[in-house]
C-alpha atoms as a PDB file:
ATOM      1  CA  UNK A   1      80.944  -0.421  96.971  1.00  0.00           C
ATOM      2  CA  UNK A   2      82.601  -2.703  99.534  1.00  0.00           C
ATOM      3  CA  UNK A   3      83.147   0.180 101.977  1.00  0.00           C
ATOM      4  CA  UNK A   4      79.815   1.964 101.580  1.00  0.00           C
ATOM      5  CA  UNK A   5      77.619  -0.508 103.442  1.00  0.00           C
ATOM      6  CA  UNK A   6      79.907  -0.964 106.492  1.00  0.00           C
ATOM      7  CA  UNK A   7      80.476   2.816 106.660  1.00  0.00           C
ATOM      8  CA  UNK A   8      76.752   3.520 106.611  1.00  0.00           C
ATOM      9  CA  UNK A   9      76.158   0.868 109.256  1.00  0.00           C
ATOM     10  CA  UNK A  10      78.897   2.346 111.439  1.00  0.00           C
ATOM     11  CA  UNK A  11      77.463   5.861 111.117  1.00  0.00           C
ATOM     12  CA  UNK A  12      73.905   4.679 111.750  1.00  0.00           C
ATOM     13  CA  UNK A  13      74.828   2.694 114.857  1.00  0.00           C
ATOM     14  CA  UNK A  14      77.740   4.613 116.379  1.00  0.00           C
ATOM     15  CA  UNK A  15      77.329   8.270 115.390  1.00  0.00           C
ATOM     16  CA  UNK A  16      73.793   9.201 114.360  1.00  0.00           C
ATOM     17  CA  UNK A  17      72.152   8.324 117.725  1.00  0.00           C
ATOM     18  CA  UNK A  18      74.513  10.786 119.444  1.00  0.00           C
ATOM     19  CA  UNK A  19      74.308  13.731 117.020  1.00  0.00           C
ATOM     20  CA  UNK A  20      71.359  15.477 118.691  1.00  0.00           C
ATOM     21  CA  UNK A  21      72.885  15.315 122.154  1.00  0.00           C
ATOM     22  CA  UNK A  22      76.283  16.412 120.817  1.00  0.00           C
ATOM     23  CA  UNK A  23      74.752  19.423 119.092  1.00  0.00           C
ATOM     24  CA  UNK A  24      72.829  20.379 122.220  1.00  0.00           C
ATOM     25  CA  UNK A  25      75.975  20.097 124.299  1.00  0.00           C
ATOM     26  CA  UNK A  26      78.020  22.214 121.899  1.00  0.00           C
ATOM     27  CA  UNK A  27      75.343  24.856 121.443  1.00  0.00           C
ATOM     28  CA  UNK A  28      75.404  25.828 125.132  1.00  0.00           C
ATOM     29  CA  UNK A  29      78.798  27.560 125.043  1.00  0.00           C
ATOM     30  CA  UNK A  30      78.230  28.854 121.511  1.00  0.00           C
ATOM     31  CA  UNK A  31      74.872  30.396 122.430  1.00  0.00           C
ATOM     32  CA  UNK A  32      76.245  31.947 125.614  1.00  0.00           C
ATOM     33  CA  UNK A  33      79.128  33.447 123.628  1.00  0.00           C
ATOM     34  CA  UNK A  34      76.772  35.057 121.118  1.00  0.00           C
ATOM     35  CA  UNK A  35      74.518  36.244 123.955  1.00  0.00           C
ATOM     36  CA  UNK A  36      77.568  37.880 125.516  1.00  0.00           C
ATOM     37  CA  UNK A  37      78.242  39.701 122.205  1.00  0.00           C
ATOM     38  CA  UNK A  38      74.689  41.012 122.255  1.00  0.00           C
ATOM     39  CA  UNK A  39      74.982  42.144 125.875  1.00  0.00           C
ATOM     40  CA  UNK A  40      78.302  43.883 125.195  1.00  0.00           C
ATOM     41  CA  UNK A  41      76.842  45.816 122.246  1.00  0.00           C
ATOM     42  CA  UNK A  42      73.811  46.782 124.351  1.00  0.00           C
ATOM     43  CA  UNK A  43      76.025  47.935 127.239  1.00  0.00           C
ATOM     44  CA  UNK A  44      78.304  50.011 125.009  1.00  0.00           C
ATOM     45  CA  UNK A  45      75.406  51.781 123.294  1.00  0.00           C
ATOM     46  CA  UNK A  46      73.732  52.436 126.655  1.00  0.00           C
ATOM     47  CA  UNK A  47      76.950  54.096 127.824  1.00  0.00           C
ATOM     48  CA  UNK A  48      76.896  56.322 124.726  1.00  0.00           C
ATOM     49  CA  UNK A  49      73.298  57.311 125.516  1.00  0.00           C
ATOM     50  CA  UNK A  50      74.102  58.065 129.159  1.00  0.00           C
ATOM     51  CA  UNK A  51      77.171  60.095 128.240  1.00  0.00           C
ATOM     52  CA  UNK A  52      75.203  62.136 125.723  1.00  0.00           C
ATOM     53  CA  UNK A  53      72.387  62.767 128.201  1.00  0.00           C
ATOM     54  CA  UNK A  54      74.960  64.123 130.682  1.00  0.00           C
ATOM     55  CA  UNK A  55      76.968  66.254 128.252  1.00  0.00           C
ATOM     56  CA  UNK A  56      74.627  67.008 125.332  1.00  0.00           C
ATOM     57  CA  UNK A  57      77.855  67.357 123.337  1.00  0.00           C
ATOM     58  CA  UNK A  58      77.487  66.362 119.664  1.00  0.00           C
ATOM     59  CA  UNK A  59      81.265  66.299 119.104  1.00  0.00           C
ATOM     60  CA  UNK A  60      81.743  63.882 121.974  1.00  0.00           C
ATOM     61  CA  UNK A  61      78.826  61.808 120.696  1.00  0.00           C
ATOM     62  CA  UNK A  62      80.544  61.511 117.313  1.00  0.00           C
ATOM     63  CA  UNK A  63      83.762  60.420 119.064  1.00  0.00           C
ATOM     64  CA  UNK A  64      81.864  57.820 121.107  1.00  0.00           C
ATOM     65  CA  UNK A  65      80.179  56.405 117.997  1.00  0.00           C
ATOM     66  CA  UNK A  66      83.567  56.288 116.245  1.00  0.00           C
ATOM     67  CA  UNK A  67      84.963  54.441 119.246  1.00  0.00           C
ATOM     68  CA  UNK A  68      82.028  52.005 119.110  1.00  0.00           C
ATOM     69  CA  UNK A  69      83.122  51.126 115.574  1.00  0.00           C
ATOM     70  CA  UNK A  70      86.391  49.749 116.986  1.00  0.00           C
ATOM     71  CA  UNK A  71      84.601  47.475 119.471  1.00  0.00           C
ATOM     72  CA  UNK A  72      84.950  44.264 117.406  1.00  0.00           C
ATOM     73  CA  UNK A  73      88.725  44.759 117.410  1.00  0.00           C
ATOM     74  CA  UNK A  74      89.010  45.600 121.112  1.00  0.00           C
ATOM     75  CA  UNK A  75      90.326  42.321 122.487  1.00  0.00           C
ATOM     76  CA  UNK A  76      89.903  43.423 126.115  1.00  0.00           C
ATOM     77  CA  UNK A  77      86.196  44.142 125.722  1.00  0.00           C
ATOM     78  CA  UNK A  78      85.542  41.134 123.481  1.00  0.00           C
ATOM     79  CA  UNK A  79      87.441  38.731 125.771  1.00  0.00           C
ATOM     80  CA  UNK A  80      84.419  37.819 127.975  1.00  0.00           C
ATOM     81  CA  UNK A  81      82.554  36.814 124.805  1.00  0.00           C
ATOM     82  CA  UNK A  82      85.436  34.659 123.646  1.00  0.00           C
ATOM     83  CA  UNK A  83      85.853  33.028 127.058  1.00  0.00           C
ATOM     84  CA  UNK A  84      82.304  31.649 126.915  1.00  0.00           C
ATOM     85  CA  UNK A  85      83.278  29.648 123.828  1.00  0.00           C
ATOM     86  CA  UNK A  86      86.439  28.312 125.454  1.00  0.00           C
ATOM     87  CA  UNK A  87      84.203  25.867 127.320  1.00  0.00           C
ATOM     88  CA  UNK A  88      84.063  24.010 124.004  1.00  0.00           C
ATOM     89  CA  UNK A  89      87.644  22.921 124.687  1.00  0.00           C
ATOM     90  CA  UNK A  90      86.482  20.570 127.438  1.00  0.00           C
ATOM     91  CA  UNK A  91      83.384  19.380 125.573  1.00  0.00           C
ATOM     92  CA  UNK A  92      85.326  18.678 122.409  1.00  0.00           C
ATOM     93  CA  UNK A  93      88.009  16.720 124.299  1.00  0.00           C
ATOM     94  CA  UNK A  94      85.366  14.121 125.097  1.00  0.00           C
ATOM     95  CA  UNK A  95      84.251  14.054 121.464  1.00  0.00           C
ATOM     96  CA  UNK A  96      87.847  13.765 120.346  1.00  0.00           C
ATOM     97  CA  UNK A  97      88.294  10.501 122.198  1.00  0.00           C
ATOM     98  CA  UNK A  98      84.853   9.083 121.304  1.00  0.00           C
ATOM     99  CA  UNK A  99      84.560  10.172 117.663  1.00  0.00           C
ATOM    100  CA  UNK A 100      88.105  11.103 116.635  1.00  0.00           C
ATOM    101  CA  UNK A 101      87.242  14.820 116.369  1.00  0.00           C
ATOM    102  CA  UNK A 102      90.411  16.751 115.606  1.00  0.00           C
ATOM    103  CA  UNK A 103      91.271  20.411 115.202  1.00  0.00           C
ATOM    104  CA  UNK A 104      89.446  21.489 118.362  1.00  0.00           C
ATOM    105  CA  UNK A 105      91.287  24.809 118.377  1.00  0.00           C
ATOM    106  CA  UNK A 106      90.078  25.456 114.836  1.00  0.00           C
ATOM    107  CA  UNK A 107      86.434  24.990 115.883  1.00  0.00           C
ATOM    108  CA  UNK A 108      86.876  27.411 118.781  1.00  0.00           C
ATOM    109  CA  UNK A 109      88.754  29.936 116.665  1.00  0.00           C
ATOM    110  CA  UNK A 110      86.124  29.866 113.903  1.00  0.00           C
ATOM    111  CA  UNK A 111      83.363  30.372 116.471  1.00  0.00           C
ATOM    112  CA  UNK A 112      85.229  33.357 117.918  1.00  0.00           C
ATOM    113  CA  UNK A 113      85.724  34.731 114.400  1.00  0.00           C
ATOM    114  CA  UNK A 114      81.974  34.512 113.818  1.00  0.00           C
ATOM    115  CA  UNK A 115      81.408  36.360 117.094  1.00  0.00           C
ATOM    116  CA  UNK A 116      83.742  39.148 115.999  1.00  0.00           C
ATOM    117  CA  UNK A 117      82.021  39.267 112.609  1.00  0.00           C
ATOM    118  CA  UNK A 118      78.635  39.543 114.314  1.00  0.00           C
ATOM    119  CA  UNK A 119      79.894  42.484 116.368  1.00  0.00           C
ATOM    120  CA  UNK A 120      81.350  44.101 113.230  1.00  0.00           C
ATOM    121  CA  UNK A 121      77.969  43.782 111.539  1.00  0.00           C
ATOM    122  CA  UNK A 122      76.155  45.189 114.567  1.00  0.00           C
ATOM    123  CA  UNK A 123      78.331  48.297 114.901  1.00  0.00           C
ATOM    124  CA  UNK A 124      78.347  48.867 111.137  1.00  0.00           C
ATOM    125  CA  UNK A 125      74.552  48.643 111.002  1.00  0.00           C
ATOM    126  CA  UNK A 126      74.310  50.968 113.988  1.00  0.00           C
ATOM    127  CA  UNK A 127      76.553  53.504 112.284  1.00  0.00           C
ATOM    128  CA  UNK A 128      74.557  53.298 109.046  1.00  0.00           C
ATOM    129  CA  UNK A 129      71.222  53.779 110.801  1.00  0.00           C
ATOM    130  CA  UNK A 130      72.451  56.493 113.147  1.00  0.00           C
ATOM    131  CA  UNK A 131      74.697  59.241 111.979  1.00  0.00           C
ATOM    132  CA  UNK A 132      75.303  61.944 114.615  1.00  0.00           C
ATOM    133  CA  UNK A 133      76.031  64.476 111.875  1.00  0.00           C
ATOM    134  CA  UNK A 134      72.457  64.102 110.570  1.00  0.00           C
ATOM    135  CA  UNK A 135      70.894  64.804 113.957  1.00  0.00           C
ATOM    136  CA  UNK A 136      69.582  68.357 114.017  1.00  0.00           C
ATOM    137  CA  UNK A 137      67.536  68.181 117.220  1.00  0.00           C
ATOM    138  CA  UNK A 138      69.794  67.226 120.124  1.00  0.00           C
ATOM    139  CA  UNK A 139      66.737  66.704 122.341  1.00  0.00           C
ATOM    140  CA  UNK A 140      65.761  63.627 120.314  1.00  0.00           C
ATOM    141  CA  UNK A 141      69.243  62.136 119.917  1.00  0.00           C
ATOM    142  CA  UNK A 142      69.109  59.809 122.946  1.00  0.00           C
ATOM    143  CA  UNK A 143      65.713  58.482 121.859  1.00  0.00           C
ATOM    144  CA  UNK A 144      66.977  57.976 118.321  1.00  0.00           C
ATOM    145  CA  UNK A 145      70.053  56.097 119.560  1.00  0.00           C
ATOM    146  CA  UNK A 146      67.838  53.833 121.667  1.00  0.00           C
ATOM    147  CA  UNK A 147      65.563  53.105 118.699  1.00  0.00           C
ATOM    148  CA  UNK A 148      68.526  52.337 116.458  1.00  0.00           C
ATOM    149  CA  UNK A 149      70.049  50.078 119.128  1.00  0.00           C
ATOM    150  CA  UNK A 150      66.809  48.128 119.461  1.00  0.00           C
ATOM    151  CA  UNK A 151      66.574  47.814 115.680  1.00  0.00           C
ATOM    152  CA  UNK A 152      70.124  46.448 115.478  1.00  0.00           C
ATOM    153  CA  UNK A 153      69.488  43.994 118.307  1.00  0.00           C
ATOM    154  CA  UNK A 154      66.331  42.796 116.610  1.00  0.00           C
END
């Protein structure tokens, strides 16, 4: 009871007025990281479409889709997504000194984990909606891939 009132006063005066601006500041790098995940997925699927249009090879298409499934675990390809979130390091340093925010690396790591999870969900959904083995008409495959990609991105 003796701590509650001073704690509420402290939060109301020293923290609450800054919460909106802090969230806005933090969401910039987070949003750009998730946008980068989206762009990477889009780029990889577009490459599958282009390759299939050149080769018209169903076996190679299956291999490319299988390779897409490993995308969330490909650290080289996911690195640009993760780097966008590293900007939080600088932003959180300021918060650390002003508001005693600790475990900055944990916040960044969790955000990167969510990005990887988002990519896992995207490629899994893509695979579930598009199965090359169920495609009888190779003339419509590229169109089908594009439709599935757009559905996943939606």
